[in-house]
Amino acid sequence: GPWLSLDQAVPDDASVRQFRDHLLIRLRSEWRGYSSGTLLAARIEAVAWDTTGEPGGNGPPADAAQGAQVTPLFEPSERVALSGISVTKNKVVLSLLDEVRTRLTSLSCSPDGAWACDPPEAREPLIGGLSLSAVDSDEGDAVWLVSWTHLQPHTLALASVENGVAGLASS
């Protein structure tokens, strides 16, 4: 198909990645009333438009894309910030810094575009580090989980977020 543009639909300084039929937009500056550090989701067909301008092209024209509906998935607070995002086949996993403690949360998106937060992680937030990345985001929900503290070396585990991050406590 034709190249699609996000020009004028998302801020120039935002980082954007794809999750199925959505774009995940991580703001680096304030936009549409959302503060820097917010993570938003928008359907691709609502914000991306056909650069050729041909009739029947994919997506809305640029002016309609500017007003496309976005869903806030995470908004920072005084004590909680978004540290990282990992995408698997069925989950978006957020790594959060909560008063210098790392914790994970996962989100699911239904076919109708509704987002839901999965049950919380069962382990206590770590003072140290916790890193999660998808093994193969096209094939499944397996993840590499690396954790460390000042007293423990890096530990690598293979886990799954198929049922959310609640099951990671045993990893």
C-alpha atoms as a PDB file:
ATOM      1  CA  GLY A   1       0.000   0.000   0.000  1.00  0.00           C
ATOM      2  CA  PRO A   2       0.929   3.653  -0.049  1.00  0.00           C
ATOM      3  CA  TRP A   3       3.157   5.293   2.537  1.00  0.00           C
ATOM      4  CA  LEU A   4       1.172   6.761   5.384  1.00  0.00           C
ATOM      5  CA  SER A   5       2.037   9.975   7.147  1.00  0.00           C
ATOM      6  CA  LEU A   6       1.689  10.993  10.792  1.00  0.00           C
ATOM      7  CA  ASP A   7       2.556  14.586   9.920  1.00  0.00           C
ATOM      8  CA  GLN A   8       0.424  16.947  12.052  1.00  0.00           C
ATOM      9  CA  ALA A   9      -1.346  13.966  13.682  1.00  0.00           C
ATOM     10  CA  VAL A  10       1.192  13.461  16.482  1.00  0.00           C
ATOM     11  CA  PRO A  11       3.793  15.826  17.940  1.00  0.00           C
ATOM     12  CA  ASP A  12       7.143  15.917  16.152  1.00  0.00           C
ATOM     13  CA  ASP A  13       9.033  15.108  19.359  1.00  0.00           C
ATOM     14  CA  ALA A  14       6.869  12.129  20.382  1.00  0.00           C
ATOM     15  CA  SER A  15       8.138   8.576  20.080  1.00  0.00           C
ATOM     16  CA  VAL A  16       5.743   6.277  18.243  1.00  0.00           C
ATOM     17  CA  ARG A  17       5.541   2.504  17.955  1.00  0.00           C
ATOM     18  CA  GLN A  18       2.964   0.084  16.655  1.00  0.00           C
ATOM     19  CA  PHE A  19       0.883  -2.425  18.614  1.00  0.00           C
ATOM     20  CA  ARG A  20      -1.436  -4.339  16.291  1.00  0.00           C
ATOM     21  CA  ASP A  21      -3.826  -1.736  14.757  1.00  0.00           C
ATOM     22  CA  HIS A  22      -2.846   0.993  17.234  1.00  0.00           C
ATOM     23  CA  LEU A  23      -0.023   3.471  17.525  1.00  0.00           C
ATOM     24  CA  LEU A  24       1.478   3.973  20.975  1.00  0.00           C
ATOM     25  CA  ILE A  25       2.464   7.619  21.345  1.00  0.00           C
ATOM     26  CA  ARG A  26       4.882   8.547  24.128  1.00  0.00           C
ATOM     27  CA  LEU A  27       4.833  12.293  24.665  1.00  0.00           C
ATOM     28  CA  ARG A  28       8.021  14.250  25.283  1.00  0.00           C
ATOM     29  CA  SER A  29       6.171  17.535  25.583  1.00  0.00           C
ATOM     30  CA  GLU A  30       2.688  18.673  26.549  1.00  0.00           C
ATOM     31  CA  TRP A  31       0.066  17.986  23.872  1.00  0.00           C
ATOM     32  CA  ARG A  32      -3.740  18.245  23.802  1.00  0.00           C
ATOM     33  CA  GLY A  33      -3.818  18.712  27.578  1.00  0.00           C
ATOM     34  CA  TYR A  34      -1.666  15.641  28.281  1.00  0.00           C
ATOM     35  CA  SER A  35       1.627  16.180  30.084  1.00  0.00           C
ATOM     36  CA  SER A  36       5.077  15.097  29.013  1.00  0.00           C
ATOM     37  CA  GLY A  37       5.662  11.420  29.819  1.00  0.00           C
ATOM     38  CA  THR A  38       2.091  10.360  28.998  1.00  0.00           C
ATOM     39  CA  LEU A  39       1.527   7.249  26.885  1.00  0.00           C
ATOM     40  CA  LEU A  40      -1.411   7.431  24.482  1.00  0.00           C
ATOM     41  CA  ALA A  41      -2.949   4.944  22.056  1.00  0.00           C
ATOM     42  CA  ALA A  42      -4.699   5.782  18.795  1.00  0.00           C
ATOM     43  CA  ARG A  43      -6.020   3.611  15.997  1.00  0.00           C
ATOM     44  CA  ILE A  44      -3.708   3.780  12.999  1.00  0.00           C
ATOM     45  CA  GLU A  45      -6.525   4.493  10.556  1.00  0.00           C
ATOM     46  CA  ALA A  46      -7.545   7.519  12.641  1.00  0.00           C
ATOM     47  CA  VAL A  47      -4.160   9.250  12.636  1.00  0.00           C
ATOM     48  CA  ALA A  48      -2.246   8.045   9.577  1.00  0.00           C
ATOM     49  CA  TRP A  49      -3.118   9.454   6.178  1.00  0.00           C
ATOM     50  CA  ASP A  50      -2.203   8.654   2.591  1.00  0.00           C
ATOM     51  CA  THR A  51       0.661  10.884   1.440  1.00  0.00           C
ATOM     52  CA  THR A  52      -0.408  10.683  -2.202  1.00  0.00           C
ATOM     53  CA  GLY A  53      -3.676  12.507  -1.507  1.00  0.00           C
ATOM     54  CA  GLU A  54      -5.419  10.133  -3.890  1.00  0.00           C
ATOM     55  CA  PRO A  55      -9.174   9.740  -3.445  1.00  0.00           C
ATOM     56  CA  GLY A  56      -9.944   6.584  -1.519  1.00  0.00           C
ATOM     57  CA  GLY A  57      -6.520   6.604   0.094  1.00  0.00           C
ATOM     58  CA  ASN A  58      -6.058   5.073   3.489  1.00  0.00           C
ATOM     59  CA  GLY A  59      -6.772   7.147   6.567  1.00  0.00           C
ATOM     60  CA  PRO A  60      -8.206  10.597   7.111  1.00  0.00           C
ATOM     61  CA  PRO A  61      -6.861  13.833   5.684  1.00  0.00           C
ATOM     62  CA  ALA A  62      -4.287  15.584   7.850  1.00  0.00           C
ATOM     63  CA  ASP A  63      -6.773  18.022   9.431  1.00  0.00           C
ATOM     64  CA  ALA A  64      -9.039  15.154  10.584  1.00  0.00           C
ATOM     65  CA  ALA A  65      -6.036  13.227  11.925  1.00  0.00           C
ATOM     66  CA  GLN A  66      -5.179  16.174  14.190  1.00  0.00           C
ATOM     67  CA  GLY A  67      -8.436  15.684  16.084  1.00  0.00           C
ATOM     68  CA  ALA A  68      -8.368  11.872  16.193  1.00  0.00           C
ATOM     69  CA  GLN A  69      -9.427  10.202  19.413  1.00  0.00           C
ATOM     70  CA  VAL A  70      -6.566   9.106  21.658  1.00  0.00           C
ATOM     71  CA  THR A  71      -6.751   6.908  24.753  1.00  0.00           C
ATOM     72  CA  PRO A  72      -4.415   7.625  27.664  1.00  0.00           C
ATOM     73  CA  LEU A  73      -2.734   4.387  28.782  1.00  0.00           C
ATOM     74  CA  PHE A  74      -0.430   5.969  31.362  1.00  0.00           C
ATOM     75  CA  GLU A  75      -0.156   9.453  32.841  1.00  0.00           C
ATOM     76  CA  PRO A  76       2.825  10.303  35.056  1.00  0.00           C
ATOM     77  CA  SER A  77       2.424  11.608  38.585  1.00  0.00           C
ATOM     78  CA  GLU A  78       4.756  13.270  41.064  1.00  0.00           C
ATOM     79  CA  ARG A  79       6.111   9.895  42.147  1.00  0.00           C
ATOM     80  CA  VAL A  80       5.503   7.544  39.179  1.00  0.00           C
ATOM     81  CA  ALA A  81       7.164   7.810  35.752  1.00  0.00           C
ATOM     82  CA  LEU A  82       7.180   5.615  32.662  1.00  0.00           C
ATOM     83  CA  SER A  83      10.576   3.982  32.306  1.00  0.00           C
ATOM     84  CA  GLY A  84       9.999   1.676  29.332  1.00  0.00           C
ATOM     85  CA  ILE A  85       7.528  -0.050  27.032  1.00  0.00           C
ATOM     86  CA  SER A  86       7.655  -3.629  25.759  1.00  0.00           C
ATOM     87  CA  VAL A  87       5.207  -5.031  23.240  1.00  0.00           C
ATOM     88  CA  THR A  88       4.377  -8.723  22.844  1.00  0.00           C
ATOM     89  CA  LYS A  89       1.804 -10.291  20.535  1.00  0.00           C
ATOM     90  CA  ASN A  90      -1.103  -9.609  22.917  1.00  0.00           C
ATOM     91  CA  LYS A  91       0.199  -7.277  25.637  1.00  0.00           C
ATOM     92  CA  VAL A  92       1.719  -3.871  26.171  1.00  0.00           C
ATOM     93  CA  VAL A  93       3.959  -4.049  29.248  1.00  0.00           C
ATOM     94  CA  LEU A  94       4.940  -0.835  30.991  1.00  0.00           C
ATOM     95  CA  SER A  95       7.989  -0.542  33.210  1.00  0.00           C
ATOM     96  CA  LEU A  96       7.307   2.121  35.834  1.00  0.00           C
ATOM     97  CA  LEU A  97       9.550   3.886  38.323  1.00  0.00           C
ATOM     98  CA  ASP A  98       7.553   4.356  41.509  1.00  0.00           C
ATOM     99  CA  GLU A  99       9.664   6.366  43.978  1.00  0.00           C
ATOM    100  CA  VAL A 100      12.847   4.689  42.661  1.00  0.00           C
ATOM    101  CA  ARG A 101      11.249   1.233  42.775  1.00  0.00           C
ATOM    102  CA  THR A 102      10.695  -0.574  39.489  1.00  0.00           C
ATOM    103  CA  ARG A 103       7.336  -2.230  38.902  1.00  0.00           C
ATOM    104  CA  LEU A 104       5.594  -3.654  35.857  1.00  0.00           C
ATOM    105  CA  THR A 105       2.035  -3.376  34.626  1.00  0.00           C
ATOM    106  CA  SER A 106       0.459  -4.867  31.520  1.00  0.00           C
ATOM    107  CA  LEU A 107      -2.398  -3.777  29.299  1.00  0.00           C
ATOM    108  CA  SER A 108      -4.636  -5.651  26.887  1.00  0.00           C
ATOM    109  CA  CYS A 109      -6.625  -4.325  23.961  1.00  0.00           C
ATOM    110  CA  SER A 110      -9.856  -5.989  22.872  1.00  0.00           C
ATOM    111  CA  PRO A 111     -10.797  -6.277  19.173  1.00  0.00           C
ATOM    112  CA  ASP A 112     -13.194  -3.323  19.584  1.00  0.00           C
ATOM    113  CA  GLY A 113     -10.303  -1.109  20.740  1.00  0.00           C
ATOM    114  CA  ALA A 114     -11.086  -1.020  24.467  1.00  0.00           C
ATOM    115  CA  TRP A 115      -8.003  -1.059  26.700  1.00  0.00           C
ATOM    116  CA  ALA A 116      -7.868  -2.845  30.061  1.00  0.00           C
ATOM    117  CA  CYS A 117      -5.224  -3.091  32.754  1.00  0.00           C
ATOM    118  CA  ASP A 118      -4.317  -6.659  33.733  1.00  0.00           C
ATOM    119  CA  PRO A 119      -4.020  -7.759  37.397  1.00  0.00           C
ATOM    120  CA  PRO A 120      -0.990  -6.169  39.072  1.00  0.00           C
ATOM    121  CA  GLU A 121       2.398  -7.786  39.456  1.00  0.00           C
ATOM    122  CA  ALA A 122       2.524 -10.033  42.540  1.00  0.00           C
ATOM    123  CA  ARG A 123       6.120  -9.267  43.510  1.00  0.00           C
ATOM    124  CA  GLU A 124       7.126  -6.236  45.543  1.00  0.00           C
ATOM    125  CA  PRO A 125       8.577  -3.407  43.457  1.00  0.00           C
ATOM    126  CA  LEU A 126      12.362  -3.682  43.231  1.00  0.00           C
ATOM    127  CA  ILE A 127      14.918  -1.180  44.410  1.00  0.00           C
ATOM    128  CA  GLY A 128      17.415  -1.873  41.681  1.00  0.00           C
ATOM    129  CA  GLY A 129      16.586  -2.725  38.138  1.00  0.00           C
ATOM    130  CA  LEU A 130      14.065  -4.710  36.205  1.00  0.00           C
ATOM    131  CA  SER A 131      14.108  -4.994  32.447  1.00  0.00           C
ATOM    132  CA  LEU A 132      11.649  -6.822  30.224  1.00  0.00           C
ATOM    133  CA  SER A 133      11.740  -7.381  26.470  1.00  0.00           C
ATOM    134  CA  ALA A 134       9.737  -9.554  24.111  1.00  0.00           C
ATOM    135  CA  VAL A 135      11.346 -12.714  22.776  1.00  0.00           C
ATOM    136  CA  ASP A 136       9.346 -12.485  19.516  1.00  0.00           C
ATOM    137  CA  SER A 137       6.472  -9.996  19.558  1.00  0.00           C
ATOM    138  CA  ASP A 138       4.988 -11.427  16.343  1.00  0.00           C
ATOM    139  CA  GLU A 139       4.727 -14.972  17.676  1.00  0.00           C
ATOM    140  CA  GLY A 140       3.720 -14.822  21.336  1.00  0.00           C
ATOM    141  CA  ASP A 141       3.901 -13.351  24.815  1.00  0.00           C
ATOM    142  CA  ALA A 142       7.236 -14.816  25.950  1.00  0.00           C
ATOM    143  CA  VAL A 143       9.596 -12.261  27.481  1.00  0.00           C
ATOM    144  CA  TRP A 144      13.146 -12.018  28.746  1.00  0.00           C
ATOM    145  CA  LEU A 145      13.123 -10.682  32.297  1.00  0.00           C
ATOM    146  CA  VAL A 146      16.339  -9.303  33.782  1.00  0.00           C
ATOM    147  CA  SER A 147      16.467  -8.172  37.401  1.00  0.00           C
ATOM    148  CA  TRP A 148      19.251  -6.906  39.639  1.00  0.00           C
ATOM    149  CA  THR A 149      19.816  -5.087  42.913  1.00  0.00           C
ATOM    150  CA  HIS A 150      22.825  -3.618  44.667  1.00  0.00           C
ATOM    151  CA  LEU A 151      23.309  -6.935  46.461  1.00  0.00           C
ATOM    152  CA  GLN A 152      22.382  -9.379  43.684  1.00  0.00           C
ATOM    153  CA  PRO A 153      23.900  -9.719  40.220  1.00  0.00           C
ATOM    154  CA  HIS A 154      21.864  -9.636  37.053  1.00  0.00           C
ATOM    155  CA  THR A 155      19.434 -12.545  36.782  1.00  0.00           C
ATOM    156  CA  LEU A 156      17.961 -13.579  33.434  1.00  0.00           C
ATOM    157  CA  ALA A 157      14.651 -15.455  33.269  1.00  0.00           C
ATOM    158  CA  LEU A 158      12.370 -16.566  30.475  1.00  0.00           C
ATOM    159  CA  ALA A 159       8.737 -15.841  31.369  1.00  0.00           C
ATOM    160  CA  SER A 160       5.345 -15.206  29.803  1.00  0.00           C
ATOM    161  CA  VAL A 161       2.961 -12.277  30.120  1.00  0.00           C
ATOM    162  CA  GLU A 162       0.125 -14.171  28.432  1.00  0.00           C
ATOM    163  CA  ASN A 163      -1.956 -13.713  31.607  1.00  0.00           C
ATOM    164  CA  GLY A 164      -0.455 -10.330  32.468  1.00  0.00           C
ATOM    165  CA  VAL A 165       2.480  -9.524  34.732  1.00  0.00           C
ATOM    166  CA  ALA A 166       0.843 -11.110  37.794  1.00  0.00           C
ATOM    167  CA  GLY A 167       2.459 -14.446  36.910  1.00  0.00           C
ATOM    168  CA  LEU A 168       5.995 -13.047  36.829  1.00  0.00           C
ATOM    169  CA  ALA A 169       6.486 -13.428  40.612  1.00  0.00           C
ATOM    170  CA  SER A 170       7.419 -17.065  40.144  1.00  0.00           C
ATOM    171  CA  SER A 171      10.001 -16.267  37.442  1.00  0.00           C
END
